[in-house]
Amino acid sequence: MVSDWFAASGRDLPWRGDDRDPWGVLVSEVMLQQTPVARVIPVWTDWLQRWPSPSALAADPAGDAVRMWGRLGYPRRALRLHAAATAIRDSHNGSVPDDYDSLRSLPGAGDYTAAAVMAFAYRQRIPVLDTNVRRVLARVCDGSAHPAGASAARAERTVLEQLLPADGEAAAQVSEGLMELGATVCLARRPDCDTCPLADRCSWLASGRPANRPPPSPQAPFAGSDRQVRGRIMQLVRSADGHVVQADIDLSWPDADQRRRAQRSLLSDGLLTEGPPGRFRLPGG
């Protein structure tokens, strides 16, 4: 049922094509973390054109990955993806691993990323639990408006595993369908139950859509936050051909204490390097 709905209604995304590549799937999963699909597509396309393989990315400085990341947000993901590409080149003969444990050992790859690559790239039968899938399961199976807890629990994994078909390809299609359903129909705040293929078996809908618990609190405002200051500094450094002097960074934000705090955090995260003193650049640049 979910598979049929997905085949007819799923979005046509570049990393889902018949010619999907494990490296392209891995890149997409890292980019899609906390970032809307519409913002990811052009960056993903440019990324794969420049670095069509992990070895290609690993051959360039990490700073190039940060620069290409642009304004997707959370640029530490670019460093982790570069580190993962290096590990794939050095420890896996340049090919994205096709087993969960090896994927899980890659820098920055958690349970979700490893499971997603196994299911979506290698078409394996493995539970893939993100926020969207957890919400679908909570509503259909438990009658709850939202999943319990901030992260996936063993019980949720067990429920999903029982729902997956035995065949790997069929299971992968269900996993893709559940994720798409949560992303486009079974939304956190305004679910479109009239078009949901699981409406006739949804416990939450049958019980009148009770607000069992409030949705997660929205993210803190971006304007004026340390995240905005970090973004200003990164934008300045990405746009420079070489080093950026401290005086230019000082002009990027008026609050000196907040600016220094943001700059220290970028240095600590490895997104910014100093050398010679008072001159800053992207890592490996």
C-alpha atoms as a PDB file:
ATOM      1  CA  MET A   1       0.000   0.000   0.000  1.00  0.00           C
ATOM      2  CA  VAL A   2       2.706   2.492   1.000  1.00  0.00           C
ATOM      3  CA  SER A   3       4.884   1.287  -1.867  1.00  0.00           C
ATOM      4  CA  ASP A   4       2.105   1.825  -4.413  1.00  0.00           C
ATOM      5  CA  TRP A   5       1.408   5.286  -3.043  1.00  0.00           C
ATOM      6  CA  PHE A   6       5.092   6.159  -3.151  1.00  0.00           C
ATOM      7  CA  ALA A   7       5.456   4.928  -6.732  1.00  0.00           C
ATOM      8  CA  ALA A   8       2.593   7.199  -7.779  1.00  0.00           C
ATOM      9  CA  SER A   9       3.126  10.209  -5.506  1.00  0.00           C
ATOM     10  CA  GLY A  10       6.757  10.273  -4.383  1.00  0.00           C
ATOM     11  CA  ARG A  11       8.866  13.275  -5.311  1.00  0.00           C
ATOM     12  CA  ASP A  12      11.293  12.867  -8.191  1.00  0.00           C
ATOM     13  CA  LEU A  13      14.550  13.550  -6.362  1.00  0.00           C
ATOM     14  CA  PRO A  14      17.945  13.132  -8.083  1.00  0.00           C
ATOM     15  CA  TRP A  15      19.342  10.684  -5.535  1.00  0.00           C
ATOM     16  CA  ARG A  16      16.340   8.382  -6.016  1.00  0.00           C
ATOM     17  CA  GLY A  17      16.803   7.635  -9.706  1.00  0.00           C
ATOM     18  CA  ASP A  18      17.274   4.186 -11.196  1.00  0.00           C
ATOM     19  CA  ASP A  19      20.951   5.064 -11.607  1.00  0.00           C
ATOM     20  CA  ARG A  20      21.320   5.902  -7.930  1.00  0.00           C
ATOM     21  CA  ASP A  21      24.849   5.601  -6.613  1.00  0.00           C
ATOM     22  CA  PRO A  22      25.804   4.756  -2.997  1.00  0.00           C
ATOM     23  CA  TRP A  23      28.067   7.809  -2.832  1.00  0.00           C
ATOM     24  CA  GLY A  24      25.264  10.062  -4.057  1.00  0.00           C
ATOM     25  CA  VAL A  25      22.893   8.560  -1.491  1.00  0.00           C
ATOM     26  CA  LEU A  26      25.407   9.071   1.322  1.00  0.00           C
ATOM     27  CA  VAL A  27      25.985  12.698   0.302  1.00  0.00           C
ATOM     28  CA  SER A  28      22.245  13.327   0.138  1.00  0.00           C
ATOM     29  CA  GLU A  29      21.627  11.872   3.583  1.00  0.00           C
ATOM     30  CA  VAL A  30      24.314  14.039   5.162  1.00  0.00           C
ATOM     31  CA  MET A  31      23.071  17.165   3.394  1.00  0.00           C
ATOM     32  CA  LEU A  32      19.420  16.516   4.248  1.00  0.00           C
ATOM     33  CA  GLN A  33      20.034  16.517   7.989  1.00  0.00           C
ATOM     34  CA  GLN A  34      18.087  19.530   9.281  1.00  0.00           C
ATOM     35  CA  THR A  35      17.986  21.054   5.781  1.00  0.00           C
ATOM     36  CA  PRO A  36      14.997  21.283   3.384  1.00  0.00           C
ATOM     37  CA  VAL A  37      15.103  19.268   0.165  1.00  0.00           C
ATOM     38  CA  ALA A  38      14.767  22.357  -2.044  1.00  0.00           C
ATOM     39  CA  ARG A  39      17.980  23.821  -0.648  1.00  0.00           C
ATOM     40  CA  VAL A  40      19.862  20.538  -0.919  1.00  0.00           C
ATOM     41  CA  ILE A  41      19.164  19.683  -4.572  1.00  0.00           C
ATOM     42  CA  PRO A  42      21.355  22.346  -6.275  1.00  0.00           C
ATOM     43  CA  VAL A  43      24.243  21.868  -3.844  1.00  0.00           C
ATOM     44  CA  TRP A  44      24.025  18.067  -4.150  1.00  0.00           C
ATOM     45  CA  THR A  45      24.069  18.351  -7.945  1.00  0.00           C
ATOM     46  CA  ASP A  46      27.124  20.617  -7.979  1.00  0.00           C
ATOM     47  CA  TRP A  47      28.858  18.437  -5.374  1.00  0.00           C
ATOM     48  CA  LEU A  48      28.459  15.234  -7.392  1.00  0.00           C
ATOM     49  CA  GLN A  49      29.606  16.959 -10.562  1.00  0.00           C
ATOM     50  CA  ARG A  50      32.790  18.077  -8.851  1.00  0.00           C
ATOM     51  CA  TRP A  51      33.329  15.014  -6.687  1.00  0.00           C
ATOM     52  CA  PRO A  52      31.668  12.009  -8.330  1.00  0.00           C
ATOM     53  CA  SER A  53      33.386   9.616  -5.945  1.00  0.00           C
ATOM     54  CA  PRO A  54      34.682   9.572  -2.367  1.00  0.00           C
ATOM     55  CA  SER A  55      38.261   9.459  -3.629  1.00  0.00           C
ATOM     56  CA  ALA A  56      37.725  12.589  -5.678  1.00  0.00           C
ATOM     57  CA  LEU A  57      36.568  14.489  -2.602  1.00  0.00           C
ATOM     58  CA  ALA A  58      39.322  13.066  -0.415  1.00  0.00           C
ATOM     59  CA  ALA A  59      41.940  14.302  -2.890  1.00  0.00           C
ATOM     60  CA  ASP A  60      40.942  17.928  -2.290  1.00  0.00           C
ATOM     61  CA  PRO A  61      41.406  19.975   0.896  1.00  0.00           C
ATOM     62  CA  ALA A  62      38.644  19.887   3.497  1.00  0.00           C
ATOM     63  CA  GLY A  63      38.291  23.642   3.037  1.00  0.00           C
ATOM     64  CA  ASP A  64      37.061  23.084  -0.515  1.00  0.00           C
ATOM     65  CA  ALA A  65      34.241  20.950   0.874  1.00  0.00           C
ATOM     66  CA  VAL A  66      33.308  23.688   3.332  1.00  0.00           C
ATOM     67  CA  ARG A  67      33.327  26.271   0.530  1.00  0.00           C
ATOM     68  CA  MET A  68      31.170  24.087  -1.718  1.00  0.00           C
ATOM     69  CA  TRP A  69      28.788  23.490   1.195  1.00  0.00           C
ATOM     70  CA  GLY A  70      27.852  27.134   0.887  1.00  0.00           C
ATOM     71  CA  ARG A  71      24.914  28.145   3.040  1.00  0.00           C
ATOM     72  CA  LEU A  72      23.326  24.766   3.696  1.00  0.00           C
ATOM     73  CA  GLY A  73      23.955  25.342   7.383  1.00  0.00           C
ATOM     74  CA  TYR A  74      25.758  23.286  10.030  1.00  0.00           C
ATOM     75  CA  PRO A  75      28.989  23.274   7.964  1.00  0.00           C
ATOM     76  CA  ARG A  76      30.639  20.756  10.278  1.00  0.00           C
ATOM     77  CA  ARG A  77      28.740  18.244   8.173  1.00  0.00           C
ATOM     78  CA  ALA A  78      31.017  19.172   5.266  1.00  0.00           C
ATOM     79  CA  LEU A  79      34.073  18.328   7.356  1.00  0.00           C
ATOM     80  CA  ARG A  80      32.529  15.024   8.421  1.00  0.00           C
ATOM     81  CA  LEU A  81      31.672  14.155   4.836  1.00  0.00           C
ATOM     82  CA  HIS A  82      35.230  14.926   3.777  1.00  0.00           C
ATOM     83  CA  ALA A  83      36.542  12.751   6.632  1.00  0.00           C
ATOM     84  CA  ALA A  84      34.162   9.964   5.620  1.00  0.00           C
ATOM     85  CA  ALA A  85      35.353  10.191   2.011  1.00  0.00           C
ATOM     86  CA  THR A  86      38.953   9.935   3.192  1.00  0.00           C
ATOM     87  CA  ALA A  87      38.126   6.871   5.291  1.00  0.00           C
ATOM     88  CA  ILE A  88      36.314   5.279   2.337  1.00  0.00           C
ATOM     89  CA  ARG A  89      39.322   5.895   0.101  1.00  0.00           C
ATOM     90  CA  ASP A  90      41.876   4.660   2.621  1.00  0.00           C
ATOM     91  CA  SER A  91      40.016   1.765   4.240  1.00  0.00           C
ATOM     92  CA  HIS A  92      37.392   0.617   1.728  1.00  0.00           C
ATOM     93  CA  ASN A  93      39.158   0.817  -1.630  1.00  0.00           C
ATOM     94  CA  GLY A  94      37.251   3.942  -2.556  1.00  0.00           C
ATOM     95  CA  SER A  95      33.801   2.310  -2.468  1.00  0.00           C
ATOM     96  CA  VAL A  96      31.055   3.169  -0.007  1.00  0.00           C
ATOM     97  CA  PRO A  97      30.768   0.122   2.301  1.00  0.00           C
ATOM     98  CA  ASP A  98      27.777  -2.136   1.847  1.00  0.00           C
ATOM     99  CA  ASP A  99      27.523  -3.392   5.433  1.00  0.00           C
ATOM    100  CA  TYR A 100      26.019  -1.607   8.399  1.00  0.00           C
ATOM    101  CA  ASP A 101      28.972  -1.842  10.800  1.00  0.00           C
ATOM    102  CA  SER A 102      31.433  -0.394   8.284  1.00  0.00           C
ATOM    103  CA  LEU A 103      29.051   2.407   7.412  1.00  0.00           C
ATOM    104  CA  ARG A 104      28.444   3.113  11.079  1.00  0.00           C
ATOM    105  CA  SER A 105      32.195   3.459  11.636  1.00  0.00           C
ATOM    106  CA  LEU A 106      32.559   6.270   9.089  1.00  0.00           C
ATOM    107  CA  PRO A 107      33.173   9.715  10.615  1.00  0.00           C
ATOM    108  CA  GLY A 108      29.882  11.441  11.346  1.00  0.00           C
ATOM    109  CA  ALA A 109      27.724   8.456  10.313  1.00  0.00           C
ATOM    110  CA  GLY A 110      25.179   7.528  12.975  1.00  0.00           C
ATOM    111  CA  ASP A 111      22.646   4.732  13.019  1.00  0.00           C
ATOM    112  CA  TYR A 112      20.224   6.574  10.762  1.00  0.00           C
ATOM    113  CA  THR A 113      22.787   7.401   8.063  1.00  0.00           C
ATOM    114  CA  ALA A 114      24.160   3.851   8.005  1.00  0.00           C
ATOM    115  CA  ALA A 115      20.675   2.344   7.809  1.00  0.00           C
ATOM    116  CA  ALA A 116      19.572   4.814   5.109  1.00  0.00           C
ATOM    117  CA  VAL A 117      22.513   3.951   2.853  1.00  0.00           C
ATOM    118  CA  MET A 118      21.914   0.242   3.393  1.00  0.00           C
ATOM    119  CA  ALA A 119      18.227   0.574   2.478  1.00  0.00           C
ATOM    120  CA  PHE A 120      18.199   3.272  -0.194  1.00  0.00           C
ATOM    121  CA  ALA A 121      21.493   2.538  -1.953  1.00  0.00           C
ATOM    122  CA  TYR A 122      21.944  -1.188  -1.397  1.00  0.00           C
ATOM    123  CA  ARG A 123      18.232  -2.100  -1.156  1.00  0.00           C
ATOM    124  CA  GLN A 124      18.602  -4.066   2.052  1.00  0.00           C
ATOM    125  CA  ARG A 125      15.939  -4.925   4.615  1.00  0.00           C
ATOM    126  CA  ILE A 126      16.813  -2.698   7.569  1.00  0.00           C
ATOM    127  CA  PRO A 127      14.695  -0.312   9.691  1.00  0.00           C
ATOM    128  CA  VAL A 128      15.290   3.340   8.777  1.00  0.00           C
ATOM    129  CA  LEU A 129      13.982   5.623  11.489  1.00  0.00           C
ATOM    130  CA  ASP A 130      14.014   9.373  11.101  1.00  0.00           C
ATOM    131  CA  THR A 131      11.644  11.896  12.675  1.00  0.00           C
ATOM    132  CA  ASN A 132       9.138  11.535   9.838  1.00  0.00           C
ATOM    133  CA  VAL A 133       8.986   7.739   9.980  1.00  0.00           C
ATOM    134  CA  ARG A 134       8.721   7.792  13.764  1.00  0.00           C
ATOM    135  CA  ARG A 135       5.748  10.158  13.531  1.00  0.00           C
ATOM    136  CA  VAL A 136       3.960   7.898  11.026  1.00  0.00           C
ATOM    137  CA  LEU A 137       4.512   4.882  13.255  1.00  0.00           C
ATOM    138  CA  ALA A 138       3.350   6.752  16.362  1.00  0.00           C
ATOM    139  CA  ARG A 139       0.094   7.758  14.692  1.00  0.00           C
ATOM    140  CA  VAL A 140      -0.716   4.582  12.799  1.00  0.00           C
ATOM    141  CA  CYS A 141       0.353   2.055  15.420  1.00  0.00           C
ATOM    142  CA  ASP A 142       0.107   3.838  18.780  1.00  0.00           C
ATOM    143  CA  GLY A 143      -2.554   6.478  18.263  1.00  0.00           C
ATOM    144  CA  SER A 144      -0.148   9.188  19.412  1.00  0.00           C
ATOM    145  CA  ALA A 145       0.219  12.532  17.690  1.00  0.00           C
ATOM    146  CA  HIS A 146       3.999  12.511  18.066  1.00  0.00           C
ATOM    147  CA  PRO A 147       6.685   9.933  18.843  1.00  0.00           C
ATOM    148  CA  ALA A 148       7.779   9.576  22.441  1.00  0.00           C
ATOM    149  CA  GLY A 149      11.288  10.805  23.160  1.00  0.00           C
ATOM    150  CA  ALA A 150      13.759  12.741  21.104  1.00  0.00           C
ATOM    151  CA  SER A 151      15.446   9.710  19.549  1.00  0.00           C
ATOM    152  CA  ALA A 152      14.400   6.329  18.198  1.00  0.00           C
ATOM    153  CA  ALA A 153      13.762   3.635  20.791  1.00  0.00           C
ATOM    154  CA  ARG A 154      14.285  -0.108  20.550  1.00  0.00           C
ATOM    155  CA  ALA A 155      10.514  -0.662  20.560  1.00  0.00           C
ATOM    156  CA  GLU A 156      10.052   1.562  17.505  1.00  0.00           C
ATOM    157  CA  ARG A 157      12.774  -0.307  15.669  1.00  0.00           C
ATOM    158  CA  THR A 158      11.108  -3.618  16.494  1.00  0.00           C
ATOM    159  CA  VAL A 159       7.716  -2.410  15.255  1.00  0.00           C
ATOM    160  CA  LEU A 160       9.146  -1.150  11.989  1.00  0.00           C
ATOM    161  CA  GLU A 161      11.162  -4.299  11.394  1.00  0.00           C
ATOM    162  CA  GLN A 162       7.999  -6.375  11.769  1.00  0.00           C
ATOM    163  CA  LEU A 163       6.248  -4.225   9.168  1.00  0.00           C
ATOM    164  CA  LEU A 164       8.955  -4.551   6.508  1.00  0.00           C
ATOM    165  CA  PRO A 165       8.547  -7.186   3.778  1.00  0.00           C
ATOM    166  CA  ALA A 166      11.062 -10.020   3.754  1.00  0.00           C
ATOM    167  CA  ASP A 167      12.435  -9.086   0.332  1.00  0.00           C
ATOM    168  CA  GLY A 168      15.151  -6.439   0.426  1.00  0.00           C
ATOM    169  CA  GLU A 169      13.923  -4.427  -2.568  1.00  0.00           C
ATOM    170  CA  ALA A 170      10.332  -4.444  -1.333  1.00  0.00           C
ATOM    171  CA  ALA A 171      11.471  -3.446   2.155  1.00  0.00           C
ATOM    172  CA  ALA A 172      13.522  -0.572   0.746  1.00  0.00           C
ATOM    173  CA  GLN A 173      10.471   0.671  -1.160  1.00  0.00           C
ATOM    174  CA  VAL A 174       8.394   0.624   2.024  1.00  0.00           C
ATOM    175  CA  SER A 175      11.128   2.490   3.892  1.00  0.00           C
ATOM    176  CA  GLU A 176      11.235   5.153   1.180  1.00  0.00           C
ATOM    177  CA  GLY A 177       7.455   5.371   1.167  1.00  0.00           C
ATOM    178  CA  LEU A 178       7.143   5.800   4.932  1.00  0.00           C
ATOM    179  CA  MET A 179       9.762   8.543   4.910  1.00  0.00           C
ATOM    180  CA  GLU A 180       8.060  10.336   2.029  1.00  0.00           C
ATOM    181  CA  LEU A 181       4.675   9.994   3.702  1.00  0.00           C
ATOM    182  CA  GLY A 182       5.968  11.642   6.868  1.00  0.00           C
ATOM    183  CA  ALA A 183       7.695  14.396   4.909  1.00  0.00           C
ATOM    184  CA  THR A 184       4.801  15.352   2.639  1.00  0.00           C
ATOM    185  CA  VAL A 185       1.488  14.108   4.098  1.00  0.00           C
ATOM    186  CA  CYS A 186       1.709  13.025   7.733  1.00  0.00           C
ATOM    187  CA  LEU A 187       3.130  16.373   8.783  1.00  0.00           C
ATOM    188  CA  ALA A 188       3.800  17.356  12.371  1.00  0.00           C
ATOM    189  CA  ARG A 189       1.444  20.324  12.471  1.00  0.00           C
ATOM    190  CA  ARG A 190      -0.919  20.071   9.494  1.00  0.00           C
ATOM    191  CA  PRO A 191      -1.301  16.445   8.405  1.00  0.00           C
ATOM    192  CA  ASP A 192      -3.285  15.830   5.232  1.00  0.00           C
ATOM    193  CA  CYS A 193      -5.186  12.778   6.412  1.00  0.00           C
ATOM    194  CA  ASP A 194      -7.586  12.924   3.444  1.00  0.00           C
ATOM    195  CA  THR A 195      -4.818  11.870   1.053  1.00  0.00           C
ATOM    196  CA  CYS A 196      -2.986   9.439   3.336  1.00  0.00           C
ATOM    197  CA  PRO A 197      -2.824   5.845   2.067  1.00  0.00           C
ATOM    198  CA  LEU A 198      -2.821   4.598   5.672  1.00  0.00           C
ATOM    199  CA  ALA A 199      -5.858   6.607   6.809  1.00  0.00           C
ATOM    200  CA  ASP A 200      -8.094   3.527   7.096  1.00  0.00           C
ATOM    201  CA  ARG A 201      -5.697   1.867   9.513  1.00  0.00           C
ATOM    202  CA  CYS A 202      -4.446   4.884  11.455  1.00  0.00           C
ATOM    203  CA  SER A 203      -5.168   4.589  15.184  1.00  0.00           C
ATOM    204  CA  TRP A 204      -4.621   8.310  15.727  1.00  0.00           C
ATOM    205  CA  LEU A 205      -7.126   9.319  13.044  1.00  0.00           C
ATOM    206  CA  ALA A 206      -9.645   6.756  14.272  1.00  0.00           C
ATOM    207  CA  SER A 207      -9.497   8.204  17.785  1.00  0.00           C
ATOM    208  CA  GLY A 208     -10.154  11.747  16.570  1.00  0.00           C
ATOM    209  CA  ARG A 209      -6.562  12.968  16.201  1.00  0.00           C
ATOM    210  CA  PRO A 210      -5.995  13.717  19.904  1.00  0.00           C
ATOM    211  CA  ALA A 211      -3.130  16.070  20.786  1.00  0.00           C
ATOM    212  CA  ASN A 212      -1.408  13.507  22.977  1.00  0.00           C
ATOM    213  CA  ARG A 213       1.532  15.789  23.489  1.00  0.00           C
ATOM    214  CA  PRO A 214       2.568  19.118  21.971  1.00  0.00           C
ATOM    215  CA  PRO A 215       4.838  19.196  18.919  1.00  0.00           C
ATOM    216  CA  PRO A 216       8.523  19.776  19.599  1.00  0.00           C
ATOM    217  CA  SER A 217       9.376  23.371  20.382  1.00  0.00           C
ATOM    218  CA  PRO A 218      10.476  25.348  17.327  1.00  0.00           C
ATOM    219  CA  GLN A 219      14.154  26.045  16.914  1.00  0.00           C
ATOM    220  CA  ALA A 220      15.426  29.194  18.594  1.00  0.00           C
ATOM    221  CA  PRO A 221      15.302  32.287  16.341  1.00  0.00           C
ATOM    222  CA  PHE A 222      18.221  32.552  13.946  1.00  0.00           C
ATOM    223  CA  ALA A 223      18.375  36.357  13.843  1.00  0.00           C
ATOM    224  CA  GLY A 224      20.892  37.632  16.359  1.00  0.00           C
ATOM    225  CA  SER A 225      22.004  34.155  17.403  1.00  0.00           C
ATOM    226  CA  ASP A 226      25.523  32.776  17.580  1.00  0.00           C
ATOM    227  CA  ARG A 227      24.576  30.657  14.579  1.00  0.00           C
ATOM    228  CA  GLN A 228      24.025  33.807  12.554  1.00  0.00           C
ATOM    229  CA  VAL A 229      27.383  35.221  13.651  1.00  0.00           C
ATOM    230  CA  ARG A 230      29.129  31.982  12.732  1.00  0.00           C
ATOM    231  CA  GLY A 231      27.404  32.119   9.363  1.00  0.00           C
ATOM    232  CA  ARG A 232      28.580  35.680   8.748  1.00  0.00           C
ATOM    233  CA  ILE A 233      32.181  34.753   9.508  1.00  0.00           C
ATOM    234  CA  MET A 234      32.011  31.618   7.367  1.00  0.00           C
ATOM    235  CA  GLN A 235      30.511  33.556   4.470  1.00  0.00           C
ATOM    236  CA  LEU A 236      33.372  36.019   4.672  1.00  0.00           C
ATOM    237  CA  VAL A 237      36.043  33.316   4.761  1.00  0.00           C
ATOM    238  CA  ARG A 238      34.430  31.232   1.987  1.00  0.00           C
ATOM    239  CA  SER A 239      34.358  34.225  -0.321  1.00  0.00           C
ATOM    240  CA  ALA A 240      38.076  34.960   0.116  1.00  0.00           C
ATOM    241  CA  ASP A 241      40.723  33.514  -2.205  1.00  0.00           C
ATOM    242  CA  GLY A 242      43.240  33.229   0.631  1.00  0.00           C
ATOM    243  CA  HIS A 243      43.498  34.437   4.192  1.00  0.00           C
ATOM    244  CA  VAL A 244      41.096  36.839   5.899  1.00  0.00           C
ATOM    245  CA  VAL A 245      42.595  39.257   8.394  1.00  0.00           C
ATOM    246  CA  GLN A 246      41.170  39.732  11.862  1.00  0.00           C
ATOM    247  CA  ALA A 247      40.174  43.312  11.085  1.00  0.00           C
ATOM    248  CA  ASP A 248      37.794  42.086   8.383  1.00  0.00           C
ATOM    249  CA  ILE A 249      36.263  39.543  10.737  1.00  0.00           C
ATOM    250  CA  ASP A 250      35.808  42.294  13.316  1.00  0.00           C
ATOM    251  CA  LEU A 251      33.677  44.191  10.817  1.00  0.00           C
ATOM    252  CA  SER A 252      31.381  41.220  10.222  1.00  0.00           C
ATOM    253  CA  TRP A 253      29.407  41.626  13.480  1.00  0.00           C
ATOM    254  CA  PRO A 254      29.039  44.576  15.867  1.00  0.00           C
ATOM    255  CA  ASP A 255      28.865  42.690  19.190  1.00  0.00           C
ATOM    256  CA  ALA A 256      32.534  42.006  19.973  1.00  0.00           C
ATOM    257  CA  ASP A 257      31.907  39.428  22.718  1.00  0.00           C
ATOM    258  CA  GLN A 258      29.473  37.447  20.600  1.00  0.00           C
ATOM    259  CA  ARG A 259      31.759  37.682  17.578  1.00  0.00           C
ATOM    260  CA  ARG A 260      34.773  36.421  19.534  1.00  0.00           C
ATOM    261  CA  ARG A 261      32.697  33.573  20.965  1.00  0.00           C
ATOM    262  CA  ALA A 262      31.524  32.549  17.508  1.00  0.00           C
ATOM    263  CA  GLN A 263      35.039  32.766  16.083  1.00  0.00           C
ATOM    264  CA  ARG A 264      36.461  30.633  18.892  1.00  0.00           C
ATOM    265  CA  SER A 265      33.788  28.011  18.254  1.00  0.00           C
ATOM    266  CA  LEU A 266      34.644  27.911  14.543  1.00  0.00           C
ATOM    267  CA  LEU A 267      38.318  27.419  15.368  1.00  0.00           C
ATOM    268  CA  SER A 268      37.417  24.693  17.866  1.00  0.00           C
ATOM    269  CA  ASP A 269      35.229  22.921  15.295  1.00  0.00           C
ATOM    270  CA  GLY A 270      38.032  22.967  12.707  1.00  0.00           C
ATOM    271  CA  LEU A 271      36.024  25.086  10.288  1.00  0.00           C
ATOM    272  CA  LEU A 272      38.509  27.921  10.613  1.00  0.00           C
ATOM    273  CA  THR A 273      42.299  27.760  10.870  1.00  0.00           C
ATOM    274  CA  GLU A 274      44.797  30.454  11.839  1.00  0.00           C
ATOM    275  CA  GLY A 275      48.205  30.979  10.362  1.00  0.00           C
ATOM    276  CA  PRO A 276      50.116  33.181  10.317  1.00  0.00           C
ATOM    277  CA  PRO A 277      48.787  34.899  13.467  1.00  0.00           C
ATOM    278  CA  GLY A 278      45.827  37.173  12.856  1.00  0.00           C
ATOM    279  CA  ARG A 279      45.090  35.673   9.445  1.00  0.00           C
ATOM    280  CA  PHE A 280      42.408  33.023   8.989  1.00  0.00           C
ATOM    281  CA  ARG A 281      41.262  30.647   6.260  1.00  0.00           C
ATOM    282  CA  LEU A 282      39.305  27.468   5.636  1.00  0.00           C
ATOM    283  CA  PRO A 283      40.948  24.195   6.731  1.00  0.00           C
ATOM    284  CA  GLY A 284      43.525  22.834   4.328  1.00  0.00           C
ATOM    285  CA  GLY A 285      43.316  25.914   2.133  1.00  0.00           C
END
